[in-house]
Protein backbone atom coordinates (compact mmCIF):
# COMPACT_ATOMS: atom_id res chain seq x y z
CA MET A 1 158.09 112.04 110.46
CA HIS A 2 154.32 112.46 110.38
CA GLU A 3 154.67 115.90 108.82
CA TRP A 4 157.01 114.51 106.15
CA ALA A 5 154.33 112.20 104.71
CA LEU A 6 151.62 114.85 104.93
CA THR A 7 153.87 117.43 103.31
CA ARG A 8 154.75 115.07 100.45
CA SER A 9 151.02 114.49 99.89
CA LEU A 10 150.38 118.22 100.01
CA ILE A 11 153.10 118.93 97.42
CA ARG A 12 151.71 116.19 95.14
CA GLU A 13 148.23 117.73 95.39
CA LEU A 14 149.56 121.20 94.65
CA VAL A 15 151.44 119.94 91.60
CA ARG A 16 148.33 118.07 90.36
CA THR A 17 146.19 121.17 90.86
CA ALA A 18 148.64 123.38 88.98
CA ASP A 19 148.97 120.86 86.15
CA ALA A 20 145.19 120.52 85.80
CA ARG A 21 144.83 124.29 85.49
CA GLY A 22 147.84 124.77 83.23
CA GLU A 23 149.60 126.90 85.84
CA VAL A 24 153.38 127.05 86.12
CA LYS A 25 153.92 128.71 89.52
CA ILE A 26 152.13 128.66 92.86
CA ARG A 27 152.29 131.88 94.86
CA ALA A 28 150.65 130.65 98.07
CA ALA A 29 148.72 127.79 99.59
CA THR A 30 146.50 127.78 102.65
CA VAL A 31 146.07 124.64 104.73
CA ARG A 32 143.97 123.89 107.78
CA ILE A 33 145.34 121.57 110.44
CA GLY A 34 143.07 119.80 112.90
CA ALA A 35 143.58 119.90 116.65
CA LEU A 36 144.22 116.15 116.90
CA SER A 37 146.39 115.81 113.80
CA GLY A 38 149.69 115.76 115.69
CA VAL A 39 151.14 118.15 113.10
CA SER A 40 153.58 120.86 114.09
CA SER A 41 153.19 124.01 111.98
CA LYS A 42 156.91 124.72 112.43
CA HIS A 43 157.90 121.32 111.04
CA LEU A 44 155.32 121.52 108.27
CA ARG A 45 156.76 124.85 107.09
CA SER A 46 160.32 123.57 107.19
CA GLN A 47 159.50 120.39 105.30
CA PHE A 48 157.32 122.24 102.80
CA SER A 49 160.22 124.53 101.96
CA PHE A 50 162.53 121.55 101.47
CA LEU A 51 160.13 119.26 99.58
CA ALA A 52 158.80 122.00 97.29
CA ARG A 53 162.23 122.54 95.73
CA GLY A 54 162.15 121.94 92.00
CA THR A 55 158.33 121.95 91.84
CA VAL A 56 155.74 124.58 90.93
CA ALA A 57 155.36 125.16 94.67
CA GLU A 58 158.98 126.19 95.22
CA GLY A 59 159.06 129.54 97.01
CA ALA A 60 155.31 129.52 97.64
CA LYS A 61 154.05 131.03 100.86
CA LEU A 62 152.44 128.42 103.10
CA ARG A 63 149.61 129.78 105.22
CA ILE A 64 148.67 127.51 108.09
CA GLU A 65 145.44 127.75 110.04
CA MET A 66 145.44 125.68 113.21
CA LYS A 67 141.94 124.57 114.18
CA ASP A 68 141.25 123.81 117.82
CA ASP A 69 137.62 122.78 117.33
CA LEU A 70 137.44 119.13 118.35
CA LEU A 71 134.16 118.77 116.45
CA SER A 72 135.69 119.95 113.17
CA GLU A 73 135.54 117.63 110.17
CA ILE A 74 139.33 117.88 109.93
CA MET A 75 140.14 117.45 113.62
CA ALA A 76 142.70 114.72 112.91
CA GLY A 77 144.07 115.78 109.54
CA LEU A 78 145.34 118.39 107.15
CA TYR A 79 143.09 120.04 104.54
CA LEU A 80 144.16 122.10 101.54
CA GLU A 81 141.96 125.18 101.75
CA SER A 82 143.14 127.26 98.79
CA VAL A 83 145.86 127.76 96.20
CA GLU A 84 146.96 131.05 94.63
CA PHE A 85 148.81 131.05 91.34
CA GLU A 86 151.16 133.68 89.99
CA LYS A 87 149.74 135.75 87.19
């Protein structure tokens, strides 16, 4: 369930970002996941695909970078690294 809430927040942020830039379609998003976040990349991908339906993020490629550095600023969370929009 942890991934569900994080994924919903991620989708909301992607939609806000697209709206602010006047974009209509997201091609890809890159996220970093901290070592202590308790997030499964497999579950995150699955839930992203489901929750993105009907949004500007539908069909977007989700790139996930797992960070194992326990001293990282995101060691216990998820961070949106970048967003690519369709031209």
